[in-house]
């Protein structure tokens, strides 16, 4: 059902592949990446258009940038050079909306759409929370509709995702390091066992806690943790 917007997507890394997979049935996609073989294989997989150059992508109504932070500004500047009317959508978590917006030269405009989510989890079918930037106001509705097949969409200040994801990442890594160090201190040094304790027990309980689905054992542990924090 490709009767929606004509959408260009630049960058077929982990996020780019996931977004492509979720949008392919809903919009006319034109994908581009520095790796032409990758572009061709993904285009064939989903029955979408493969662009051989940025010029082909720049003919789209909207262009999604699924690129690392450091490549966003250069990509916007390249799209500026075509002097065509389009909305460029920055999806890089750490690229501020104001910086990306200032890089766009009319008739190119720029907004940001950022994910409270993890590419690995999304690849397993989990839906992220997606924050569509509240400006420019006249583009919010179209961008919101565009991303609805990708996850749960909220309109707001997209840049808050940087803080949210940083806090979540730091605390998750701290938990992993603490599990590893504590197990080793207790004499449990088998690396496979430590890996399983972190990736299955720890990560599994974090998911269950987030979904309010802790089992009896984990519920007891959670109560003890909360009681310690209250002291």
Protein backbone atom coordinates (compact mmCIF):
# COMPACT_ATOMS: atom_id res chain seq x y z
CA UNK A 1 0.00 0.00 0.00
CA UNK A 2 2.48 2.57 -1.22
CA UNK A 3 0.08 5.45 -1.63
CA UNK A 4 1.54 7.86 0.92
CA UNK A 5 4.33 10.38 0.67
CA UNK A 6 7.35 9.98 -1.60
CA UNK A 7 10.13 9.61 0.96
CA UNK A 8 13.89 9.59 0.50
CA UNK A 9 16.06 7.87 3.10
CA UNK A 10 19.82 8.34 3.34
CA UNK A 11 21.83 5.86 5.39
CA UNK A 12 21.26 2.13 5.72
CA UNK A 13 22.93 1.40 9.04
CA UNK A 14 20.99 -0.28 11.83
CA UNK A 15 18.42 2.48 12.26
CA UNK A 16 18.09 3.12 8.54
CA UNK A 17 17.33 -0.55 7.84
CA UNK A 18 14.70 -0.70 10.57
CA UNK A 19 12.95 2.48 9.47
CA UNK A 20 13.03 1.26 5.87
CA UNK A 21 11.44 -2.05 6.83
CA UNK A 22 8.64 -0.36 8.76
CA UNK A 23 7.85 2.32 6.17
CA UNK A 24 8.16 0.23 3.00
CA UNK A 25 4.51 -0.89 2.97
CA UNK A 26 3.14 2.57 3.68
CA UNK A 27 5.07 5.05 1.53
CA UNK A 28 6.97 5.31 -1.72
CA UNK A 29 10.54 4.94 -0.50
CA UNK A 30 13.71 5.90 -2.32
CA UNK A 31 16.78 4.71 -0.42
CA UNK A 32 20.42 5.74 -0.74
CA UNK A 33 23.70 4.72 0.89
CA UNK A 34 27.38 4.88 0.01
CA UNK A 35 27.27 1.11 -0.46
CA UNK A 36 25.41 0.52 -3.76
CA UNK A 37 25.25 -3.25 -3.24
CA UNK A 38 23.51 -2.75 0.09
CA UNK A 39 21.06 -0.30 -1.48
CA UNK A 40 20.25 -2.76 -4.26
CA UNK A 41 19.70 -5.73 -1.94
CA UNK A 42 17.43 -3.84 0.46
CA UNK A 43 15.48 -2.25 -2.40
CA UNK A 44 14.85 -5.70 -3.88
CA UNK A 45 13.91 -7.13 -0.49
CA UNK A 46 11.13 -4.59 0.09
CA UNK A 47 10.18 -3.75 -3.48
CA UNK A 48 11.21 -0.10 -3.20
CA UNK A 49 13.33 2.28 -5.27
CA UNK A 50 17.13 2.30 -5.11
CA UNK A 51 18.76 5.69 -5.72
CA UNK A 52 22.10 5.77 -7.48
CA UNK A 53 22.80 9.36 -6.47
CA UNK A 54 21.73 12.09 -4.05
CA UNK A 55 20.04 13.87 -6.94
CA UNK A 56 17.41 11.10 -7.08
CA UNK A 57 16.78 11.36 -3.34
CA UNK A 58 16.52 15.16 -3.55
CA UNK A 59 13.45 14.81 -5.78
CA UNK A 60 11.42 13.47 -2.84
CA UNK A 61 8.98 15.46 -0.69
CA UNK A 62 10.78 14.46 2.50
CA UNK A 63 14.28 13.11 3.10
CA UNK A 64 15.16 11.15 6.23
CA UNK A 65 18.74 11.25 7.47
CA UNK A 66 19.56 7.98 9.24
CA UNK A 67 23.19 9.00 9.68
CA UNK A 68 25.73 9.50 12.48
CA UNK A 69 25.74 12.96 14.11
CA UNK A 70 28.97 13.98 12.39
CA UNK A 71 27.48 13.45 8.90
CA UNK A 72 24.20 15.33 9.31
CA UNK A 73 25.37 18.87 8.51
CA UNK A 74 27.32 17.79 5.44
CA UNK A 75 24.29 15.88 4.13
CA UNK A 76 21.99 18.87 4.62
CA UNK A 77 24.48 21.11 2.81
CA UNK A 78 24.62 18.66 -0.10
CA UNK A 79 20.82 18.64 -0.31
CA UNK A 80 20.82 22.46 -0.23
CA UNK A 81 22.84 22.45 -3.45
CA UNK A 82 19.92 21.00 -5.44
CA UNK A 83 17.77 24.04 -4.57
CA UNK A 84 14.60 21.96 -4.43
CA UNK A 85 11.75 22.26 -1.97
CA UNK A 86 11.95 19.43 0.55
CA UNK A 87 11.73 18.73 4.27
CA UNK A 88 14.88 17.12 5.66
CA UNK A 89 14.32 15.05 8.81
CA UNK A 90 17.31 14.58 11.11
CA UNK A 91 17.14 11.34 13.13
CA UNK A 92 20.55 11.60 14.83
CA UNK A 93 20.06 11.66 18.61
CA UNK A 94 22.89 14.06 19.45
CA UNK A 95 22.44 16.57 16.63
CA UNK A 96 20.51 19.56 18.09
CA UNK A 97 17.48 20.72 16.14
CA UNK A 98 18.74 24.32 16.10
CA UNK A 99 22.05 23.33 14.49
CA UNK A 100 20.43 21.14 11.84
CA UNK A 101 17.78 23.79 11.14
CA UNK A 102 20.38 26.51 10.65
CA UNK A 103 22.24 24.34 8.14
CA UNK A 104 19.20 24.19 5.84
CA UNK A 105 18.88 26.91 3.20
CA UNK A 106 15.49 27.62 1.66
CA UNK A 107 13.72 26.05 -0.11
CA UNK A 108 15.13 23.19 2.01
CA UNK A 109 13.68 23.04 5.53
CA UNK A 110 14.71 20.84 8.43
CA UNK A 111 13.11 19.22 11.46
CA UNK A 112 14.13 16.45 13.87
CA UNK A 113 12.59 13.12 14.79
CA UNK A 114 14.34 11.21 17.57
CA UNK A 115 13.90 7.77 19.08
CA UNK A 116 13.67 6.74 22.72
CA UNK A 117 14.60 3.23 21.80
CA UNK A 118 17.38 0.84 20.88
CA UNK A 119 18.05 -0.42 17.37
CA UNK A 120 18.66 -3.97 18.58
CA UNK A 121 15.32 -4.07 20.37
CA UNK A 122 13.53 -2.49 17.42
CA UNK A 123 14.95 -5.17 15.14
CA UNK A 124 13.23 -7.73 17.37
CA UNK A 125 9.89 -6.00 16.82
CA UNK A 126 9.67 -3.70 19.83
CA UNK A 127 8.25 -0.23 19.19
CA UNK A 128 10.21 2.86 20.26
CA UNK A 129 8.77 6.14 21.45
CA UNK A 130 9.37 8.68 18.70
CA UNK A 131 9.42 12.40 19.42
CA UNK A 132 8.55 14.58 16.45
CA UNK A 133 9.86 18.11 16.93
CA UNK A 134 7.08 20.63 17.47
CA UNK A 135 8.58 23.06 14.95
CA UNK A 136 8.11 23.86 12.13
CA UNK A 137 4.42 23.70 13.09
CA UNK A 138 3.10 23.39 9.54
CA UNK A 139 5.03 20.14 9.07
CA UNK A 140 4.16 18.39 12.34
CA UNK A 141 1.02 16.62 11.14
CA UNK A 142 2.66 15.22 8.01
CA UNK A 143 5.74 14.03 9.90
CA UNK A 144 3.60 12.47 12.63
CA UNK A 145 1.60 10.51 10.07
CA UNK A 146 4.80 9.45 8.35
CA UNK A 147 6.29 7.89 11.49
CA UNK A 148 3.19 6.21 12.91
CA UNK A 149 4.12 2.84 11.35
CA UNK A 150 7.52 3.03 13.06
CA UNK A 151 6.51 3.47 16.71
CA UNK A 152 4.55 5.46 19.29
CA UNK A 153 4.70 9.09 18.17
CA UNK A 154 4.74 12.10 20.51
CA UNK A 155 5.01 15.74 19.45
CA UNK A 156 7.37 17.85 21.55
CA UNK A 157 10.99 18.95 21.85
CA UNK A 158 12.91 16.24 20.05
CA UNK A 159 16.21 17.26 21.67
CA UNK A 160 15.12 15.88 25.08
CA UNK A 161 15.86 12.42 23.68
CA UNK A 162 19.58 13.09 24.07
CA UNK A 163 19.23 13.42 27.85
CA UNK A 164 16.78 10.53 28.17
CA UNK A 165 18.88 8.08 26.16
CA UNK A 166 22.10 9.17 27.86
CA UNK A 167 20.67 8.61 31.34
CA UNK A 168 19.24 5.23 30.36
CA UNK A 169 22.48 4.14 28.67
CA UNK A 170 24.72 5.25 31.53
CA UNK A 171 22.60 3.56 34.20
CA UNK A 172 22.29 0.37 32.16
CA UNK A 173 26.06 0.18 31.64
CA UNK A 174 26.63 0.93 35.34
CA UNK A 175 24.32 -1.97 36.18
CA UNK A 176 26.19 -4.29 33.83
CA UNK A 177 29.57 -3.30 35.24
CA UNK A 178 28.29 -3.68 38.81
CA UNK A 179 26.93 -7.17 38.10
CA UNK A 180 30.25 -8.22 36.57
CA UNK A 181 32.37 -6.76 39.38
CA UNK A 182 30.13 -8.16 42.15
CA UNK A 183 30.09 -11.67 40.67
CA UNK A 184 33.87 -11.67 40.34
CA UNK A 185 34.27 -10.38 43.90
CA UNK A 186 32.13 -13.31 45.06
CA UNK A 187 34.35 -15.74 43.16
CA UNK A 188 32.12 -16.34 40.14
CA UNK A 189 34.60 -15.80 37.31
CA UNK A 190 33.28 -17.89 34.42
CA UNK A 191 32.91 -15.34 31.55
CA UNK A 192 30.00 -17.22 29.94
CA UNK A 193 28.14 -17.29 33.23
CA UNK A 194 28.77 -13.57 33.78
CA UNK A 195 27.57 -12.77 30.26
CA UNK A 196 24.36 -14.73 30.81
CA UNK A 197 23.77 -13.10 34.18
CA UNK A 198 23.97 -9.66 32.54
CA UNK A 199 22.26 -10.33 29.20
CA UNK A 200 19.51 -12.65 30.40
CA UNK A 201 18.90 -12.20 34.11
CA UNK A 202 19.76 -8.50 34.37
CA UNK A 203 18.36 -7.35 31.02
CA UNK A 204 15.31 -9.60 31.36
CA UNK A 205 14.43 -8.23 34.79
CA UNK A 206 14.90 -4.65 33.56
CA UNK A 207 12.39 -5.31 30.78
CA UNK A 208 9.97 -6.99 33.16
CA UNK A 209 10.26 -4.07 35.59
CA UNK A 210 9.57 -1.58 32.80
CA UNK A 211 6.48 -3.59 31.76
CA UNK A 212 5.27 -4.13 35.35
CA UNK A 213 5.65 -7.88 34.82
CA UNK A 214 8.12 -9.01 37.47
CA UNK A 215 7.93 -12.60 38.64
CA UNK A 216 7.72 -13.52 42.36
CA UNK A 217 11.51 -13.76 42.81
CA UNK A 218 12.16 -10.43 41.09
CA UNK A 219 9.31 -8.77 43.00
CA UNK A 220 10.98 -9.71 46.29
CA UNK A 221 14.30 -8.35 45.05
CA UNK A 222 12.60 -5.12 43.93
CA UNK A 223 11.01 -4.66 47.36
CA UNK A 224 14.37 -5.11 49.08
CA UNK A 225 16.02 -2.59 46.73
CA UNK A 226 13.27 -0.02 47.35
CA UNK A 227 13.47 -0.53 51.12
CA UNK A 228 17.22 0.11 51.05
CA UNK A 229 16.69 3.33 49.15
CA UNK A 230 14.10 4.51 51.67
CA UNK A 231 16.48 4.06 54.62
